[in-house]
Amino acid sequence: MKITPCAIADVLLLEPRVFGDDRCFFFESFNQRAFNHATGLDLHFVQDNHSRSARNVLRGLHYQTMQPQGKLVRVTVGEVFDVAVDIRRNSPTFGKWAGALLSASNKRQLWVPPGLAHGFLVLSESADFLYKTTDYYAPEHERCIAWNDATLAIDWPLHGAVPLLSGKDAAGKTFPQAELVD
């Protein structure tokens, strides 16, 4: 497994070893021991989630104020632009974002540590997005920062398209108004 730090140092891009031949391919999508060894982290994942979204669906930027979730994310069908935003007030990268293209073809995964907001934009006709979390979903602690916040200035690859948002995501707070974490 190849590990590449992103613009936020503890956001990591993981590239698995893929074995291919005329039958197609095989790779380990997750191995706790290999993950811990490669990242230097000792984590326990408690929940797996799977979403399917259509082109131009933008989900996020989501986070939990209590029970913050670390997320190991990947795409099994299609392609997304995945974004992590550092909302930890005491972090040297507070207010910065990191983005990566994740797709079924590149098989990359992104580690988004607890204390970061997370979102993604679907670039293909549809995308199946899978993620492991280090804590359980707690809707009473969930918050959302506006995807188009001017302070964050995320460079979403919309190419003139209007993103499709849920009501919750359309009502996201600006970064200065958001309830952040320490």
N, C-alpha and C. Protein backbone atom coordinates (compact mmCIF):
# COMPACT_ATOMS: atom_id res chain seq x y z
N MET A 1 0.85 -1.17 0.00
CA MET A 1 0.00 0.00 0.00
C MET A 1 0.90 1.23 0.00
N LYS A 2 0.57 2.15 -0.89
CA LYS A 2 1.30 3.41 -0.95
C LYS A 2 0.48 4.48 -0.23
N ILE A 3 1.12 5.24 0.65
CA ILE A 3 0.47 6.29 1.43
C ILE A 3 1.05 7.64 1.02
N THR A 4 0.18 8.60 0.69
CA THR A 4 0.60 9.93 0.32
C THR A 4 -0.12 10.95 1.20
N PRO A 5 0.61 11.75 1.99
CA PRO A 5 -0.04 12.82 2.75
C PRO A 5 -0.61 13.87 1.79
N CYS A 6 -1.72 14.48 2.17
CA CYS A 6 -2.37 15.50 1.35
C CYS A 6 -2.02 16.89 1.88
N ALA A 7 -2.72 17.91 1.40
CA ALA A 7 -2.48 19.29 1.83
C ALA A 7 -2.67 19.45 3.33
N ILE A 8 -3.50 18.63 3.92
CA ILE A 8 -3.64 18.53 5.38
C ILE A 8 -2.89 17.25 5.74
N ALA A 9 -1.80 17.38 6.46
CA ALA A 9 -0.84 16.27 6.63
C ALA A 9 -1.46 14.96 7.13
N ASP A 10 -2.46 15.01 8.02
CA ASP A 10 -3.00 13.75 8.51
C ASP A 10 -4.18 13.24 7.69
N VAL A 11 -4.50 13.91 6.57
CA VAL A 11 -5.39 13.35 5.56
C VAL A 11 -4.49 12.57 4.62
N LEU A 12 -4.79 11.28 4.46
CA LEU A 12 -3.89 10.40 3.71
C LEU A 12 -4.59 9.78 2.51
N LEU A 13 -3.89 9.77 1.37
CA LEU A 13 -4.36 9.08 0.18
C LEU A 13 -3.71 7.71 0.17
N LEU A 14 -4.53 6.67 0.13
CA LEU A 14 -4.03 5.28 0.15
C LEU A 14 -4.24 4.65 -1.22
N GLU A 15 -3.18 4.06 -1.73
CA GLU A 15 -3.26 3.37 -3.02
C GLU A 15 -2.89 1.90 -2.79
N PRO A 16 -3.86 1.00 -2.96
CA PRO A 16 -3.59 -0.42 -2.69
C PRO A 16 -2.76 -1.06 -3.79
N ARG A 17 -2.15 -2.17 -3.45
CA ARG A 17 -1.49 -2.99 -4.48
C ARG A 17 -2.58 -3.77 -5.19
N VAL A 18 -2.64 -3.61 -6.51
CA VAL A 18 -3.66 -4.26 -7.32
C VAL A 18 -2.99 -5.32 -8.18
N PHE A 19 -3.54 -6.51 -8.15
CA PHE A 19 -3.03 -7.63 -8.94
C PHE A 19 -4.00 -7.89 -10.07
N GLY A 20 -3.53 -7.72 -11.31
CA GLY A 20 -4.40 -7.88 -12.46
C GLY A 20 -3.85 -8.88 -13.45
N ASP A 21 -4.76 -9.52 -14.15
CA ASP A 21 -4.40 -10.41 -15.25
C ASP A 21 -5.59 -10.46 -16.21
N ASP A 22 -5.61 -11.44 -17.13
CA ASP A 22 -6.68 -11.49 -18.12
C ASP A 22 -8.05 -11.78 -17.51
N ARG A 23 -8.09 -12.15 -16.24
CA ARG A 23 -9.37 -12.38 -15.56
C ARG A 23 -9.90 -11.11 -14.93
N CYS A 24 -9.10 -10.08 -14.79
CA CYS A 24 -9.43 -8.74 -14.28
C CYS A 24 -8.48 -8.36 -13.15
N PHE A 25 -8.94 -8.22 -11.90
CA PHE A 25 -8.04 -7.77 -10.84
C PHE A 25 -8.47 -8.32 -9.49
N PHE A 26 -7.54 -8.19 -8.53
CA PHE A 26 -7.79 -8.50 -7.13
C PHE A 26 -6.99 -7.51 -6.30
N PHE A 27 -7.58 -7.03 -5.21
CA PHE A 27 -6.83 -6.25 -4.22
C PHE A 27 -7.55 -6.34 -2.88
N GLU A 28 -6.77 -6.19 -1.82
CA GLU A 28 -7.36 -6.11 -0.48
C GLU A 28 -7.87 -4.69 -0.29
N SER A 29 -9.17 -4.53 -0.13
CA SER A 29 -9.71 -3.18 0.06
C SER A 29 -9.48 -2.70 1.49
N PHE A 30 -9.33 -3.64 2.44
CA PHE A 30 -9.00 -3.24 3.80
C PHE A 30 -8.38 -4.42 4.53
N ASN A 31 -7.31 -4.12 5.26
CA ASN A 31 -6.64 -5.07 6.14
C ASN A 31 -6.19 -4.25 7.35
N GLN A 32 -6.77 -4.52 8.51
CA GLN A 32 -6.50 -3.71 9.70
C GLN A 32 -5.01 -3.63 10.01
N ARG A 33 -4.33 -4.75 9.98
CA ARG A 33 -2.90 -4.77 10.31
C ARG A 33 -2.09 -3.95 9.30
N ALA A 34 -2.37 -4.12 8.00
CA ALA A 34 -1.65 -3.38 6.96
C ALA A 34 -1.95 -1.89 7.06
N PHE A 35 -3.21 -1.53 7.33
CA PHE A 35 -3.59 -0.13 7.50
C PHE A 35 -2.84 0.50 8.67
N ASN A 36 -2.86 -0.17 9.81
CA ASN A 36 -2.17 0.35 11.00
C ASN A 36 -0.68 0.51 10.74
N HIS A 37 -0.07 -0.49 10.12
CA HIS A 37 1.37 -0.44 9.85
C HIS A 37 1.70 0.69 8.87
N ALA A 38 0.95 0.81 7.79
CA ALA A 38 1.25 1.80 6.76
C ALA A 38 1.00 3.23 7.22
N THR A 39 -0.03 3.43 8.06
CA THR A 39 -0.40 4.78 8.46
C THR A 39 0.19 5.19 9.81
N GLY A 40 0.61 4.22 10.60
CA GLY A 40 1.08 4.51 11.95
C GLY A 40 -0.07 4.76 12.92
N LEU A 41 -1.29 4.50 12.48
CA LEU A 41 -2.48 4.70 13.31
C LEU A 41 -2.93 3.37 13.90
N ASP A 42 -3.58 3.44 15.03
CA ASP A 42 -4.17 2.24 15.65
C ASP A 42 -5.65 2.53 15.87
N LEU A 43 -6.46 2.22 14.87
CA LEU A 43 -7.87 2.60 14.87
C LEU A 43 -8.76 1.37 14.91
N HIS A 44 -9.97 1.61 15.32
CA HIS A 44 -11.00 0.58 15.34
C HIS A 44 -12.20 1.13 14.58
N PHE A 45 -12.58 0.48 13.51
CA PHE A 45 -13.74 0.93 12.74
C PHE A 45 -14.99 0.24 13.27
N VAL A 46 -16.10 0.99 13.38
CA VAL A 46 -17.31 0.46 14.00
C VAL A 46 -18.50 0.41 13.05
N GLN A 47 -18.40 1.05 11.90
CA GLN A 47 -19.56 1.14 11.02
C GLN A 47 -19.09 1.25 9.58
N ASP A 48 -19.78 0.54 8.67
CA ASP A 48 -19.56 0.67 7.23
C ASP A 48 -20.81 1.28 6.62
N ASN A 49 -20.63 2.24 5.71
CA ASN A 49 -21.75 2.90 5.04
C ASN A 49 -21.56 2.83 3.54
N HIS A 50 -22.67 2.86 2.81
CA HIS A 50 -22.65 2.77 1.35
C HIS A 50 -23.72 3.71 0.83
N SER A 51 -23.33 4.65 -0.04
CA SER A 51 -24.32 5.52 -0.67
C SER A 51 -24.15 5.44 -2.18
N ARG A 52 -25.24 5.66 -2.88
CA ARG A 52 -25.21 5.79 -4.35
C ARG A 52 -25.79 7.16 -4.67
N SER A 53 -25.11 7.86 -5.55
CA SER A 53 -25.53 9.21 -5.92
C SER A 53 -25.37 9.40 -7.42
N ALA A 54 -26.20 10.29 -7.97
CA ALA A 54 -26.17 10.61 -9.40
C ALA A 54 -25.16 11.73 -9.68
N ARG A 55 -24.88 11.93 -10.96
CA ARG A 55 -23.96 13.00 -11.39
C ARG A 55 -24.36 14.34 -10.77
N ASN A 56 -23.36 15.09 -10.33
CA ASN A 56 -23.49 16.43 -9.76
C ASN A 56 -24.13 16.46 -8.37
N VAL A 57 -24.40 15.29 -7.78
CA VAL A 57 -24.82 15.30 -6.37
C VAL A 57 -23.61 15.70 -5.55
N LEU A 58 -23.81 16.66 -4.66
CA LEU A 58 -22.77 17.10 -3.76
C LEU A 58 -23.28 16.84 -2.34
N ARG A 59 -22.56 16.03 -1.61
CA ARG A 59 -22.91 15.70 -0.22
C ARG A 59 -21.88 16.35 0.70
N GLY A 60 -22.37 17.09 1.68
CA GLY A 60 -21.45 17.67 2.65
C GLY A 60 -21.52 19.18 2.67
N LEU A 61 -20.73 19.68 3.48
CA LEU A 61 -19.58 19.20 4.24
C LEU A 61 -20.06 18.80 5.64
N HIS A 62 -20.02 17.52 5.95
CA HIS A 62 -20.59 16.98 7.19
C HIS A 62 -19.52 16.71 8.24
N TYR A 63 -19.94 16.81 9.49
CA TYR A 63 -19.09 16.46 10.64
C TYR A 63 -19.97 16.32 11.86
N GLN A 64 -19.40 15.75 12.93
CA GLN A 64 -20.10 15.62 14.19
C GLN A 64 -19.32 16.36 15.27
N THR A 65 -20.03 17.19 16.06
CA THR A 65 -19.37 17.97 17.11
C THR A 65 -18.96 17.08 18.29
N MET A 66 -19.75 16.07 18.57
CA MET A 66 -19.43 15.05 19.57
C MET A 66 -19.38 13.74 18.81
N GLN A 67 -18.63 12.77 19.34
CA GLN A 67 -18.45 11.50 18.63
C GLN A 67 -17.92 11.74 17.21
N PRO A 68 -16.86 12.54 17.07
CA PRO A 68 -16.34 12.79 15.72
C PRO A 68 -15.92 11.49 15.05
N GLN A 69 -16.22 11.40 13.79
CA GLN A 69 -15.93 10.18 13.03
C GLN A 69 -14.71 10.35 12.15
N GLY A 70 -13.75 9.44 12.29
CA GLY A 70 -12.74 9.29 11.27
C GLY A 70 -13.37 8.46 10.16
N LYS A 71 -13.02 8.74 8.91
CA LYS A 71 -13.63 8.02 7.79
C LYS A 71 -12.55 7.54 6.82
N LEU A 72 -12.66 6.29 6.45
CA LEU A 72 -11.84 5.72 5.38
C LEU A 72 -12.79 5.53 4.21
N VAL A 73 -12.62 6.33 3.16
CA VAL A 73 -13.61 6.40 2.08
C VAL A 73 -13.04 5.87 0.77
N ARG A 74 -13.93 5.30 -0.05
CA ARG A 74 -13.54 4.82 -1.37
C ARG A 74 -14.75 4.75 -2.28
N VAL A 75 -14.50 4.61 -3.57
CA VAL A 75 -15.55 4.53 -4.59
C VAL A 75 -15.44 3.18 -5.29
N THR A 76 -16.57 2.47 -5.41
CA THR A 76 -16.56 1.18 -6.09
C THR A 76 -17.20 1.23 -7.47
N VAL A 77 -17.99 2.27 -7.74
CA VAL A 77 -18.58 2.50 -9.05
C VAL A 77 -18.51 3.99 -9.31
N GLY A 78 -17.96 4.40 -10.47
CA GLY A 78 -17.94 5.80 -10.83
C GLY A 78 -16.74 6.56 -10.31
N GLU A 79 -16.93 7.89 -10.17
CA GLU A 79 -15.83 8.78 -9.77
C GLU A 79 -16.39 9.96 -8.97
N VAL A 80 -15.66 10.36 -7.94
CA VAL A 80 -16.03 11.53 -7.14
C VAL A 80 -14.81 12.40 -6.89
N PHE A 81 -15.08 13.67 -6.58
CA PHE A 81 -14.07 14.56 -6.04
C PHE A 81 -14.37 14.63 -4.56
N ASP A 82 -13.43 14.13 -3.74
CA ASP A 82 -13.63 14.00 -2.31
C ASP A 82 -12.87 15.09 -1.58
N VAL A 83 -13.49 15.69 -0.55
CA VAL A 83 -12.90 16.84 0.13
C VAL A 83 -12.95 16.65 1.65
N ALA A 84 -11.85 17.02 2.30
CA ALA A 84 -11.77 17.08 3.75
C ALA A 84 -11.39 18.50 4.14
N VAL A 85 -12.05 19.04 5.17
CA VAL A 85 -11.78 20.39 5.65
C VAL A 85 -11.39 20.32 7.12
N ASP A 86 -10.27 20.93 7.45
CA ASP A 86 -9.80 20.92 8.84
C ASP A 86 -10.57 21.97 9.64
N ILE A 87 -11.40 21.51 10.58
CA ILE A 87 -12.19 22.41 11.41
C ILE A 87 -11.74 22.37 12.86
N ARG A 88 -10.54 21.85 13.09
CA ARG A 88 -9.97 21.78 14.45
C ARG A 88 -9.27 23.11 14.74
N ARG A 89 -9.85 23.88 15.65
CA ARG A 89 -9.33 25.23 15.93
C ARG A 89 -7.85 25.27 16.26
N ASN A 90 -7.34 24.24 16.93
CA ASN A 90 -5.93 24.23 17.36
C ASN A 90 -4.98 23.60 16.35
N SER A 91 -5.45 23.32 15.16
CA SER A 91 -4.63 22.67 14.15
C SER A 91 -3.86 23.70 13.31
N PRO A 92 -2.64 23.38 12.90
CA PRO A 92 -1.89 24.29 12.03
C PRO A 92 -2.53 24.44 10.64
N THR A 93 -3.41 23.50 10.27
CA THR A 93 -4.08 23.60 8.97
C THR A 93 -5.57 23.94 9.12
N PHE A 94 -5.92 24.57 10.25
CA PHE A 94 -7.31 24.99 10.49
C PHE A 94 -7.81 25.84 9.32
N GLY A 95 -8.99 25.48 8.80
CA GLY A 95 -9.59 26.24 7.71
C GLY A 95 -9.08 25.87 6.33
N LYS A 96 -8.18 24.91 6.25
CA LYS A 96 -7.66 24.46 4.95
C LYS A 96 -8.44 23.24 4.49
N TRP A 97 -8.40 22.99 3.18
CA TRP A 97 -9.06 21.81 2.63
C TRP A 97 -8.08 21.00 1.79
N ALA A 98 -8.39 19.72 1.65
CA ALA A 98 -7.63 18.81 0.78
C ALA A 98 -8.64 18.05 -0.06
N GLY A 99 -8.33 17.86 -1.32
CA GLY A 99 -9.23 17.15 -2.22
C GLY A 99 -8.50 16.09 -3.02
N ALA A 100 -9.25 15.05 -3.41
CA ALA A 100 -8.66 13.96 -4.20
C ALA A 100 -9.74 13.34 -5.08
N LEU A 101 -9.32 12.91 -6.26
CA LEU A 101 -10.21 12.14 -7.13
C LEU A 101 -10.17 10.68 -6.69
N LEU A 102 -11.33 10.14 -6.39
CA LEU A 102 -11.45 8.74 -6.03
C LEU A 102 -12.37 8.09 -7.06
N SER A 103 -11.98 6.92 -7.55
CA SER A 103 -12.81 6.26 -8.56
C SER A 103 -12.69 4.75 -8.47
N ALA A 104 -13.63 4.09 -9.12
CA ALA A 104 -13.57 2.64 -9.20
C ALA A 104 -12.31 2.21 -9.94
N SER A 105 -11.88 2.99 -10.92
CA SER A 105 -10.71 2.59 -11.69
C SER A 105 -9.39 2.84 -10.96
N ASN A 106 -9.26 3.93 -10.19
CA ASN A 106 -7.98 4.16 -9.52
C ASN A 106 -7.90 3.47 -8.16
N LYS A 107 -9.03 3.02 -7.63
CA LYS A 107 -9.10 2.22 -6.39
C LYS A 107 -8.48 2.92 -5.17
N ARG A 108 -8.27 4.21 -5.26
CA ARG A 108 -7.70 4.96 -4.13
C ARG A 108 -8.71 5.09 -3.00
N GLN A 109 -8.17 5.27 -1.80
CA GLN A 109 -8.98 5.54 -0.62
C GLN A 109 -8.43 6.79 0.06
N LEU A 110 -9.29 7.48 0.78
CA LEU A 110 -8.86 8.66 1.51
C LEU A 110 -9.17 8.46 2.98
N TRP A 111 -8.17 8.70 3.83
CA TRP A 111 -8.36 8.68 5.28
C TRP A 111 -8.64 10.11 5.71
N VAL A 112 -9.84 10.33 6.29
CA VAL A 112 -10.26 11.62 6.81
C VAL A 112 -10.33 11.48 8.33
N PRO A 113 -9.41 12.09 9.07
CA PRO A 113 -9.36 11.92 10.52
C PRO A 113 -10.57 12.55 11.24
N PRO A 114 -10.84 12.10 12.46
CA PRO A 114 -11.89 12.76 13.26
C PRO A 114 -11.55 14.24 13.42
N GLY A 115 -12.59 15.07 13.44
CA GLY A 115 -12.38 16.50 13.61
C GLY A 115 -12.31 17.25 12.29
N LEU A 116 -12.53 16.57 11.19
CA LEU A 116 -12.56 17.22 9.89
C LEU A 116 -13.96 17.10 9.30
N ALA A 117 -14.37 18.11 8.55
CA ALA A 117 -15.62 18.04 7.81
C ALA A 117 -15.31 17.31 6.50
N HIS A 118 -16.33 16.66 5.95
CA HIS A 118 -16.12 15.83 4.77
C HIS A 118 -17.27 16.00 3.79
N GLY A 119 -16.94 15.97 2.51
CA GLY A 119 -17.95 16.01 1.46
C GLY A 119 -17.40 15.48 0.16
N PHE A 120 -18.31 15.24 -0.79
CA PHE A 120 -17.87 14.80 -2.11
C PHE A 120 -18.85 15.22 -3.18
N LEU A 121 -18.33 15.33 -4.41
CA LEU A 121 -19.11 15.68 -5.60
C LEU A 121 -18.98 14.52 -6.59
N VAL A 122 -20.12 14.04 -7.10
CA VAL A 122 -20.11 12.94 -8.06
C VAL A 122 -19.82 13.49 -9.46
N LEU A 123 -18.78 12.94 -10.10
CA LEU A 123 -18.34 13.40 -11.42
C LEU A 123 -18.81 12.49 -12.54
N SER A 124 -19.15 11.25 -12.22
CA SER A 124 -19.60 10.28 -13.22
C SER A 124 -21.12 10.24 -13.26
N GLU A 125 -21.67 9.41 -14.14
CA GLU A 125 -23.13 9.28 -14.25
C GLU A 125 -23.76 8.95 -12.90
N SER A 126 -23.10 8.07 -12.16
CA SER A 126 -23.47 7.77 -10.77
C SER A 126 -22.22 7.27 -10.07
N ALA A 127 -22.29 7.18 -8.76
CA ALA A 127 -21.15 6.68 -8.00
C ALA A 127 -21.64 5.95 -6.75
N ASP A 128 -20.99 4.83 -6.47
CA ASP A 128 -21.20 4.12 -5.22
C ASP A 128 -20.02 4.46 -4.32
N PHE A 129 -20.34 5.03 -3.16
CA PHE A 129 -19.36 5.57 -2.23
C PHE A 129 -19.44 4.75 -0.94
N LEU A 130 -18.32 4.16 -0.53
CA LEU A 130 -18.27 3.34 0.67
C LEU A 130 -17.34 3.98 1.68
N TYR A 131 -17.72 3.91 2.95
CA TYR A 131 -16.82 4.43 3.97
C TYR A 131 -16.99 3.72 5.30
N LYS A 132 -15.84 3.52 5.93
CA LYS A 132 -15.75 2.95 7.26
C LYS A 132 -15.61 4.12 8.23
N THR A 133 -16.24 4.02 9.41
CA THR A 133 -16.15 5.10 10.39
C THR A 133 -15.62 4.58 11.72
N THR A 134 -14.95 5.48 12.44
CA THR A 134 -14.37 5.13 13.73
C THR A 134 -15.33 5.36 14.89
N ASP A 135 -16.46 5.99 14.62
CA ASP A 135 -17.50 6.16 15.64
C ASP A 135 -18.85 6.08 14.95
N TYR A 136 -19.89 5.89 15.75
CA TYR A 136 -21.23 5.72 15.21
C TYR A 136 -21.84 7.05 14.80
N TYR A 137 -22.75 6.98 13.84
CA TYR A 137 -23.50 8.15 13.41
C TYR A 137 -24.34 8.65 14.57
N ALA A 138 -24.27 9.94 14.85
CA ALA A 138 -25.01 10.57 15.94
C ALA A 138 -25.72 11.79 15.37
N PRO A 139 -26.94 11.63 14.86
CA PRO A 139 -27.62 12.74 14.18
C PRO A 139 -27.78 13.99 15.04
N GLU A 140 -27.87 13.82 16.36
CA GLU A 140 -28.01 14.99 17.23
C GLU A 140 -26.74 15.84 17.28
N HIS A 141 -25.61 15.28 16.86
CA HIS A 141 -24.34 16.01 16.86
C HIS A 141 -23.87 16.37 15.44
N GLU A 142 -24.64 15.98 14.45
CA GLU A 142 -24.22 16.23 13.07
C GLU A 142 -24.42 17.71 12.72
N ARG A 143 -23.45 18.25 12.01
CA ARG A 143 -23.50 19.63 11.53
C ARG A 143 -23.07 19.63 10.06
N CYS A 144 -23.34 20.77 9.41
CA CYS A 144 -23.00 20.89 7.99
C CYS A 144 -22.50 22.30 7.70
N ILE A 145 -21.37 22.37 7.02
CA ILE A 145 -20.82 23.63 6.53
C ILE A 145 -21.18 23.75 5.06
N ALA A 146 -21.55 24.93 4.63
CA ALA A 146 -21.93 25.16 3.23
C ALA A 146 -20.81 24.76 2.28
N TRP A 147 -21.16 24.01 1.28
CA TRP A 147 -20.20 23.50 0.30
C TRP A 147 -19.48 24.63 -0.43
N ASN A 148 -20.17 25.77 -0.57
CA ASN A 148 -19.63 26.90 -1.35
C ASN A 148 -19.17 28.06 -0.47
N ASP A 149 -18.78 27.76 0.75
CA ASP A 149 -18.34 28.81 1.68
C ASP A 149 -17.16 29.58 1.08
N ALA A 150 -17.29 30.90 1.07
CA ALA A 150 -16.25 31.75 0.47
C ALA A 150 -14.94 31.72 1.25
N THR A 151 -15.00 31.54 2.56
CA THR A 151 -13.78 31.48 3.37
C THR A 151 -12.94 30.27 2.98
N LEU A 152 -13.60 29.13 2.79
CA LEU A 152 -12.88 27.90 2.44
C LEU A 152 -12.45 27.89 0.98
N ALA A 153 -13.25 28.45 0.09
CA ALA A 153 -12.95 28.55 -1.34
C ALA A 153 -12.52 27.21 -1.94
N ILE A 154 -13.33 26.18 -1.72
CA ILE A 154 -13.03 24.86 -2.28
C ILE A 154 -13.21 24.91 -3.79
N ASP A 155 -12.27 24.37 -4.51
CA ASP A 155 -12.28 24.38 -5.98
C ASP A 155 -12.99 23.12 -6.48
N TRP A 156 -14.32 23.11 -6.32
CA TRP A 156 -15.11 21.95 -6.78
C TRP A 156 -15.09 21.92 -8.31
N PRO A 157 -14.84 20.77 -8.92
CA PRO A 157 -14.81 20.67 -10.39
C PRO A 157 -16.23 20.56 -10.98
N LEU A 158 -17.01 21.61 -10.85
CA LEU A 158 -18.39 21.61 -11.33
C LEU A 158 -18.50 21.92 -12.83
N HIS A 159 -17.53 22.61 -13.37
CA HIS A 159 -17.51 22.95 -14.80
C HIS A 159 -18.83 23.54 -15.26
N GLY A 160 -19.36 24.49 -14.47
CA GLY A 160 -20.60 25.19 -14.84
C GLY A 160 -21.88 24.52 -14.38
N ALA A 161 -21.81 23.29 -13.91
CA ALA A 161 -23.01 22.58 -13.45
C ALA A 161 -23.45 23.12 -12.10
N VAL A 162 -24.73 22.98 -11.83
CA VAL A 162 -25.27 23.34 -10.53
C VAL A 162 -25.34 22.06 -9.70
N PRO A 163 -24.75 22.05 -8.49
CA PRO A 163 -24.77 20.82 -7.70
C PRO A 163 -26.17 20.50 -7.19
N LEU A 164 -26.45 19.21 -7.07
CA LEU A 164 -27.71 18.74 -6.50
C LEU A 164 -27.47 18.50 -5.02
N LEU A 165 -28.25 19.20 -4.17
CA LEU A 165 -28.04 19.18 -2.73
C LEU A 165 -29.28 18.67 -2.00
N SER A 166 -29.07 18.05 -0.87
CA SER A 166 -30.18 17.74 0.02
C SER A 166 -30.60 19.04 0.71
N GLY A 167 -31.76 19.03 1.36
CA GLY A 167 -32.19 20.20 2.11
C GLY A 167 -31.21 20.56 3.20
N LYS A 168 -30.71 19.51 3.89
CA LYS A 168 -29.73 19.71 4.97
C LYS A 168 -28.47 20.37 4.43
N ASP A 169 -27.99 19.91 3.29
CA ASP A 169 -26.75 20.46 2.74
C ASP A 169 -26.96 21.87 2.19
N ALA A 170 -28.14 22.14 1.64
CA ALA A 170 -28.44 23.49 1.13
C ALA A 170 -28.51 24.49 2.28
N ALA A 171 -28.81 24.02 3.49
CA ALA A 171 -28.92 24.90 4.65
C ALA A 171 -27.63 24.95 5.47
N GLY A 172 -26.53 24.46 4.92
CA GLY A 172 -25.26 24.45 5.65
C GLY A 172 -24.84 25.84 6.10
N LYS A 173 -24.18 25.91 7.23
CA LYS A 173 -23.70 27.18 7.80
C LYS A 173 -22.42 27.61 7.08
N THR A 174 -22.14 28.91 7.12
CA THR A 174 -20.86 29.37 6.61
C THR A 174 -19.79 28.94 7.61
N PHE A 175 -18.56 28.89 7.15
CA PHE A 175 -17.46 28.47 8.03
C PHE A 175 -17.37 29.37 9.27
N PRO A 176 -17.45 30.70 9.14
CA PRO A 176 -17.39 31.54 10.35
C PRO A 176 -18.55 31.31 11.32
N GLN A 177 -19.70 30.85 10.82
CA GLN A 177 -20.88 30.61 11.67
C GLN A 177 -20.91 29.20 12.24
N ALA A 178 -20.12 28.31 11.71
CA ALA A 178 -20.21 26.88 12.07
C ALA A 178 -19.75 26.62 13.49
N GLU A 179 -20.39 25.64 14.11
CA GLU A 179 -19.98 25.15 15.43
C GLU A 179 -18.81 24.20 15.18
N LEU A 180 -17.61 24.60 15.55
CA LEU A 180 -16.40 23.85 15.23
C LEU A 180 -15.97 22.99 16.40
N VAL A 181 -14.87 22.29 16.23
CA VAL A 181 -14.36 21.39 17.26
C VAL A 181 -12.97 21.83 17.69
N ASP A 182 -12.56 21.40 18.88
CA ASP A 182 -11.22 21.74 19.38
C ASP A 182 -10.23 20.65 19.05
